[in-house]
Amino acid sequence: EASHTEKVKTALMAEATATVTEQFSTDKALKKAALDAAISKIKGGKAGVDPIQAAFVQFFKDKAAAVKASGDDSEEKAQREAMIAKMNSVAKNEGFFFQFDSKGTPSL
């Protein structure tokens, strides 16, 4: 489970980085805002909104809204199937007299 979680985190960060990089490479206003913010910080000026951070935050907000709106539970089903397969493997290796069915209920 931890490995799967790390893979999902890595994939999300890669997607976010690619999306934000594309936004900044095509939008001159974003480039200017990022440069102005960086120069302001270097000069010790007032730290305003970081446009890069704002772009990442907006990406994750949009991604969360899209996932919530989709109602797709295929990932949860896949995780459940993987967990049941692991439990059945342990049951078999330990010599238990039962296995788990697709609902996770032990059966003989």
N, C-alpha and C. Protein backbone atom coordinates (compact mmCIF):
# COMPACT_ATOMS: atom_id res chain seq x y z
N GLU A 1 0.82 -1.19 0.00
CA GLU A 1 0.00 0.00 0.00
C GLU A 1 0.87 1.25 0.00
N ALA A 2 1.92 1.24 0.79
CA ALA A 2 2.80 2.41 0.85
C ALA A 2 3.47 2.63 -0.50
N SER A 3 3.85 1.54 -1.14
CA SER A 3 4.48 1.64 -2.45
C SER A 3 3.51 2.24 -3.47
N HIS A 4 2.26 1.79 -3.42
CA HIS A 4 1.25 2.32 -4.33
C HIS A 4 1.02 3.81 -4.08
N THR A 5 0.96 4.19 -2.82
CA THR A 5 0.76 5.59 -2.46
C THR A 5 1.91 6.45 -2.99
N GLU A 6 3.12 5.96 -2.83
CA GLU A 6 4.28 6.72 -3.32
C GLU A 6 4.26 6.84 -4.84
N LYS A 7 3.84 5.77 -5.51
CA LYS A 7 3.74 5.83 -6.98
C LYS A 7 2.71 6.86 -7.42
N VAL A 8 1.58 6.91 -6.71
CA VAL A 8 0.54 7.88 -7.04
C VAL A 8 1.05 9.30 -6.80
N LYS A 9 1.72 9.51 -5.66
CA LYS A 9 2.27 10.84 -5.36
C LYS A 9 3.27 11.27 -6.44
N THR A 10 4.14 10.35 -6.82
CA THR A 10 5.15 10.66 -7.84
C THR A 10 4.49 10.99 -9.17
N ALA A 11 3.48 10.21 -9.54
CA ALA A 11 2.78 10.46 -10.81
C ALA A 11 2.05 11.81 -10.78
N LEU A 12 1.42 12.13 -9.65
CA LEU A 12 0.73 13.41 -9.53
C LEU A 12 1.71 14.59 -9.62
N MET A 13 2.84 14.46 -8.96
CA MET A 13 3.83 15.54 -9.00
C MET A 13 4.41 15.70 -10.41
N ALA A 14 4.63 14.59 -11.09
CA ALA A 14 5.14 14.66 -12.46
C ALA A 14 4.13 15.34 -13.37
N GLU A 15 2.85 14.98 -13.21
CA GLU A 15 1.80 15.61 -14.01
C GLU A 15 1.67 17.09 -13.69
N ALA A 16 1.74 17.42 -12.41
CA ALA A 16 1.64 18.83 -12.00
C ALA A 16 2.82 19.63 -12.55
N THR A 17 4.01 19.08 -12.44
CA THR A 17 5.20 19.77 -12.95
C THR A 17 5.10 19.99 -14.45
N ALA A 18 4.67 18.98 -15.18
CA ALA A 18 4.53 19.12 -16.63
C ALA A 18 3.48 20.18 -16.99
N THR A 19 2.36 20.17 -16.28
CA THR A 19 1.29 21.12 -16.56
C THR A 19 1.73 22.55 -16.26
N VAL A 20 2.35 22.76 -15.10
CA VAL A 20 2.78 24.10 -14.71
C VAL A 20 3.91 24.57 -15.64
N THR A 21 4.81 23.69 -15.99
CA THR A 21 5.90 24.05 -16.92
C THR A 21 5.32 24.49 -18.26
N GLU A 22 4.33 23.76 -18.74
CA GLU A 22 3.69 24.13 -20.01
C GLU A 22 3.01 25.50 -19.90
N GLN A 23 2.32 25.72 -18.77
CA GLN A 23 1.65 27.01 -18.57
C GLN A 23 2.66 28.15 -18.63
N PHE A 24 3.78 27.98 -17.94
CA PHE A 24 4.78 29.05 -17.89
C PHE A 24 5.51 29.21 -19.22
N SER A 25 5.62 28.14 -20.00
CA SER A 25 6.32 28.27 -21.27
C SER A 25 5.45 28.93 -22.34
N THR A 26 4.14 28.94 -22.14
CA THR A 26 3.25 29.52 -23.15
C THR A 26 2.64 30.85 -22.74
N ASP A 27 2.69 31.20 -21.47
CA ASP A 27 2.03 32.42 -20.99
C ASP A 27 3.07 33.45 -20.54
N LYS A 28 3.22 34.51 -21.31
CA LYS A 28 4.21 35.54 -20.99
C LYS A 28 3.88 36.28 -19.70
N ALA A 29 2.60 36.43 -19.40
CA ALA A 29 2.21 37.13 -18.18
C ALA A 29 2.66 36.35 -16.94
N LEU A 30 2.55 35.02 -17.00
CA LEU A 30 3.01 34.20 -15.87
C LEU A 30 4.53 34.30 -15.71
N LYS A 31 5.23 34.28 -16.84
CA LYS A 31 6.69 34.41 -16.77
C LYS A 31 7.08 35.74 -16.12
N LYS A 32 6.43 36.81 -16.55
CA LYS A 32 6.73 38.14 -16.01
C LYS A 32 6.40 38.20 -14.52
N ALA A 33 5.26 37.63 -14.13
CA ALA A 33 4.87 37.64 -12.72
C ALA A 33 5.89 36.87 -11.87
N ALA A 34 6.36 35.73 -12.37
CA ALA A 34 7.35 34.93 -11.64
C ALA A 34 8.67 35.68 -11.53
N LEU A 35 9.07 36.31 -12.61
CA LEU A 35 10.32 37.07 -12.59
C LEU A 35 10.22 38.27 -11.65
N ASP A 36 9.11 38.98 -11.70
CA ASP A 36 8.91 40.12 -10.80
C ASP A 36 8.91 39.69 -9.34
N ALA A 37 8.26 38.55 -9.04
CA ALA A 37 8.23 38.05 -7.67
C ALA A 37 9.63 37.65 -7.20
N ALA A 38 10.40 37.02 -8.09
CA ALA A 38 11.76 36.60 -7.73
C ALA A 38 12.64 37.82 -7.48
N ILE A 39 12.54 38.82 -8.33
CA ILE A 39 13.35 40.03 -8.16
C ILE A 39 12.97 40.74 -6.86
N SER A 40 11.68 40.78 -6.58
CA SER A 40 11.21 41.42 -5.34
C SER A 40 11.77 40.71 -4.11
N LYS A 41 11.79 39.38 -4.15
CA LYS A 41 12.33 38.62 -3.01
C LYS A 41 13.83 38.85 -2.86
N ILE A 42 14.52 38.89 -3.98
CA ILE A 42 15.97 39.10 -3.93
C ILE A 42 16.29 40.47 -3.34
N LYS A 43 15.51 41.46 -3.71
CA LYS A 43 15.73 42.82 -3.20
C LYS A 43 15.28 42.97 -1.75
N GLY A 44 14.63 41.94 -1.21
CA GLY A 44 14.16 42.00 0.16
C GLY A 44 12.84 42.73 0.29
N GLY A 45 12.16 42.84 -0.81
CA GLY A 45 10.88 43.54 -0.82
C GLY A 45 9.76 42.68 -0.26
N LYS A 46 8.59 43.24 -0.34
CA LYS A 46 7.40 42.57 0.17
C LYS A 46 7.13 41.30 -0.64
N ALA A 47 7.01 40.21 0.07
CA ALA A 47 6.75 38.93 -0.59
C ALA A 47 5.26 38.82 -0.89
N GLY A 48 4.95 38.90 -2.16
CA GLY A 48 3.56 38.78 -2.57
C GLY A 48 3.22 37.33 -2.85
N VAL A 49 2.21 37.14 -3.67
CA VAL A 49 1.80 35.80 -4.05
C VAL A 49 2.83 35.22 -5.01
N ASP A 50 3.29 34.04 -4.72
CA ASP A 50 4.24 33.35 -5.60
C ASP A 50 3.44 32.72 -6.74
N PRO A 51 3.64 33.17 -7.98
CA PRO A 51 2.85 32.66 -9.09
C PRO A 51 3.10 31.18 -9.38
N ILE A 52 4.28 30.70 -9.11
CA ILE A 52 4.57 29.28 -9.34
C ILE A 52 3.81 28.44 -8.32
N GLN A 53 3.88 28.83 -7.07
CA GLN A 53 3.13 28.11 -6.04
C GLN A 53 1.64 28.17 -6.33
N ALA A 54 1.16 29.32 -6.74
CA ALA A 54 -0.27 29.48 -7.05
C ALA A 54 -0.68 28.57 -8.20
N ALA A 55 0.20 28.40 -9.19
CA ALA A 55 -0.11 27.53 -10.32
C ALA A 55 -0.21 26.07 -9.87
N PHE A 56 0.70 25.65 -8.99
CA PHE A 56 0.64 24.28 -8.47
C PHE A 56 -0.61 24.07 -7.63
N VAL A 57 -0.92 25.02 -6.77
CA VAL A 57 -2.12 24.93 -5.93
C VAL A 57 -3.36 24.82 -6.80
N GLN A 58 -3.43 25.65 -7.84
CA GLN A 58 -4.58 25.63 -8.74
C GLN A 58 -4.67 24.29 -9.47
N PHE A 59 -3.53 23.72 -9.88
CA PHE A 59 -3.53 22.41 -10.53
C PHE A 59 -4.16 21.37 -9.63
N PHE A 60 -3.73 21.33 -8.36
CA PHE A 60 -4.25 20.32 -7.44
C PHE A 60 -5.72 20.55 -7.09
N LYS A 61 -6.14 21.80 -7.03
CA LYS A 61 -7.56 22.09 -6.81
C LYS A 61 -8.39 21.59 -8.00
N ASP A 62 -7.91 21.87 -9.21
CA ASP A 62 -8.61 21.42 -10.41
C ASP A 62 -8.64 19.90 -10.49
N LYS A 63 -7.53 19.27 -10.15
CA LYS A 63 -7.44 17.79 -10.18
C LYS A 63 -8.41 17.19 -9.17
N ALA A 64 -8.47 17.74 -7.97
CA ALA A 64 -9.38 17.24 -6.93
C ALA A 64 -10.83 17.39 -7.37
N ALA A 65 -11.15 18.52 -7.97
CA ALA A 65 -12.53 18.74 -8.44
C ALA A 65 -12.88 17.77 -9.55
N ALA A 66 -11.94 17.49 -10.44
CA ALA A 66 -12.19 16.55 -11.53
C ALA A 66 -12.40 15.14 -11.01
N VAL A 67 -11.60 14.73 -10.04
CA VAL A 67 -11.75 13.39 -9.46
C VAL A 67 -13.08 13.27 -8.73
N LYS A 68 -13.42 14.31 -7.99
CA LYS A 68 -14.68 14.30 -7.24
C LYS A 68 -15.87 14.24 -8.19
N ALA A 69 -15.79 14.97 -9.29
CA ALA A 69 -16.90 15.03 -10.24
C ALA A 69 -17.03 13.74 -11.05
N SER A 70 -15.92 13.04 -11.25
CA SER A 70 -15.96 11.84 -12.10
C SER A 70 -16.70 10.69 -11.45
N GLY A 71 -16.58 10.54 -10.15
CA GLY A 71 -17.25 9.44 -9.46
C GLY A 71 -16.65 8.09 -9.81
N ASP A 72 -15.46 8.07 -10.39
CA ASP A 72 -14.80 6.84 -10.81
C ASP A 72 -14.16 6.18 -9.60
N ASP A 73 -14.59 4.97 -9.29
CA ASP A 73 -14.03 4.27 -8.14
C ASP A 73 -13.17 3.08 -8.58
N SER A 74 -12.67 3.11 -9.80
CA SER A 74 -11.88 1.99 -10.31
C SER A 74 -10.58 1.81 -9.53
N GLU A 75 -9.99 2.91 -9.06
CA GLU A 75 -8.75 2.80 -8.30
C GLU A 75 -8.99 2.09 -6.97
N GLU A 76 -10.09 2.43 -6.31
CA GLU A 76 -10.41 1.78 -5.04
C GLU A 76 -10.67 0.29 -5.25
N LYS A 77 -11.36 -0.04 -6.35
CA LYS A 77 -11.62 -1.45 -6.66
C LYS A 77 -10.33 -2.20 -6.91
N ALA A 78 -9.42 -1.59 -7.64
CA ALA A 78 -8.14 -2.23 -7.92
C ALA A 78 -7.33 -2.43 -6.64
N GLN A 79 -7.35 -1.44 -5.75
CA GLN A 79 -6.65 -1.58 -4.48
C GLN A 79 -7.26 -2.69 -3.64
N ARG A 80 -8.58 -2.77 -3.64
CA ARG A 80 -9.26 -3.82 -2.87
C ARG A 80 -8.91 -5.19 -3.42
N GLU A 81 -8.92 -5.34 -4.74
CA GLU A 81 -8.56 -6.63 -5.34
C GLU A 81 -7.13 -7.02 -5.01
N ALA A 82 -6.23 -6.04 -5.04
CA ALA A 82 -4.82 -6.32 -4.71
C ALA A 82 -4.69 -6.73 -3.25
N MET A 83 -5.43 -6.07 -2.36
CA MET A 83 -5.38 -6.43 -0.94
C MET A 83 -5.92 -7.83 -0.71
N ILE A 84 -7.00 -8.18 -1.36
CA ILE A 84 -7.57 -9.53 -1.21
C ILE A 84 -6.59 -10.57 -1.74
N ALA A 85 -5.94 -10.27 -2.86
CA ALA A 85 -4.94 -11.20 -3.40
C ALA A 85 -3.79 -11.40 -2.42
N LYS A 86 -3.35 -10.33 -1.77
CA LYS A 86 -2.28 -10.44 -0.77
C LYS A 86 -2.73 -11.27 0.42
N MET A 87 -3.96 -11.02 0.89
CA MET A 87 -4.47 -11.78 2.03
C MET A 87 -4.61 -13.26 1.67
N ASN A 88 -5.05 -13.56 0.46
CA ASN A 88 -5.16 -14.96 0.04
C ASN A 88 -3.78 -15.61 -0.06
N SER A 89 -2.79 -14.86 -0.50
CA SER A 89 -1.43 -15.38 -0.57
C SER A 89 -0.90 -15.72 0.82
N VAL A 90 -1.14 -14.81 1.76
CA VAL A 90 -0.72 -15.07 3.15
C VAL A 90 -1.45 -16.28 3.70
N ALA A 91 -2.75 -16.36 3.46
CA ALA A 91 -3.54 -17.49 3.96
C ALA A 91 -3.01 -18.81 3.39
N LYS A 92 -2.66 -18.82 2.12
CA LYS A 92 -2.15 -20.04 1.50
C LYS A 92 -0.77 -20.39 2.06
N ASN A 93 0.12 -19.37 2.17
CA ASN A 93 1.47 -19.61 2.68
C ASN A 93 1.49 -20.07 4.13
N GLU A 94 0.54 -19.60 4.91
CA GLU A 94 0.48 -19.96 6.33
C GLU A 94 -0.33 -21.23 6.58
N GLY A 95 -0.89 -21.79 5.53
CA GLY A 95 -1.61 -23.05 5.66
C GLY A 95 -3.01 -22.90 6.25
N PHE A 96 -3.61 -21.74 6.11
CA PHE A 96 -4.98 -21.54 6.60
C PHE A 96 -5.93 -22.37 5.75
N PHE A 97 -7.05 -22.73 6.31
CA PHE A 97 -8.02 -23.56 5.61
C PHE A 97 -9.11 -22.73 4.94
N PHE A 98 -8.87 -21.48 4.74
CA PHE A 98 -9.86 -20.61 4.09
C PHE A 98 -9.15 -19.63 3.15
N GLN A 99 -9.95 -19.04 2.30
CA GLN A 99 -9.50 -17.96 1.43
C GLN A 99 -10.56 -16.89 1.46
N PHE A 100 -10.21 -15.73 0.96
CA PHE A 100 -11.17 -14.62 0.92
C PHE A 100 -11.80 -14.55 -0.46
N ASP A 101 -13.12 -14.35 -0.47
CA ASP A 101 -13.80 -14.19 -1.76
C ASP A 101 -13.65 -12.76 -2.25
N SER A 102 -14.28 -12.42 -3.35
CA SER A 102 -14.12 -11.08 -3.95
C SER A 102 -14.65 -9.97 -3.07
N LYS A 103 -15.51 -10.30 -2.10
CA LYS A 103 -16.04 -9.31 -1.18
C LYS A 103 -15.17 -9.17 0.07
N GLY A 104 -14.18 -10.05 0.21
CA GLY A 104 -13.31 -10.01 1.37
C GLY A 104 -13.79 -10.88 2.51
N THR A 105 -14.79 -11.69 2.24
CA THR A 105 -15.34 -12.58 3.26
C THR A 105 -14.60 -13.92 3.22
N PRO A 106 -14.17 -14.42 4.39
CA PRO A 106 -13.49 -15.71 4.39
C PRO A 106 -14.46 -16.84 4.00
N SER A 107 -13.94 -17.76 3.20
CA SER A 107 -14.75 -18.93 2.82
C SER A 107 -13.84 -20.14 2.80
N LEU A 108 -14.43 -21.29 3.01
CA LEU A 108 -13.65 -22.54 3.06
C LEU A 108 -13.41 -23.08 1.68
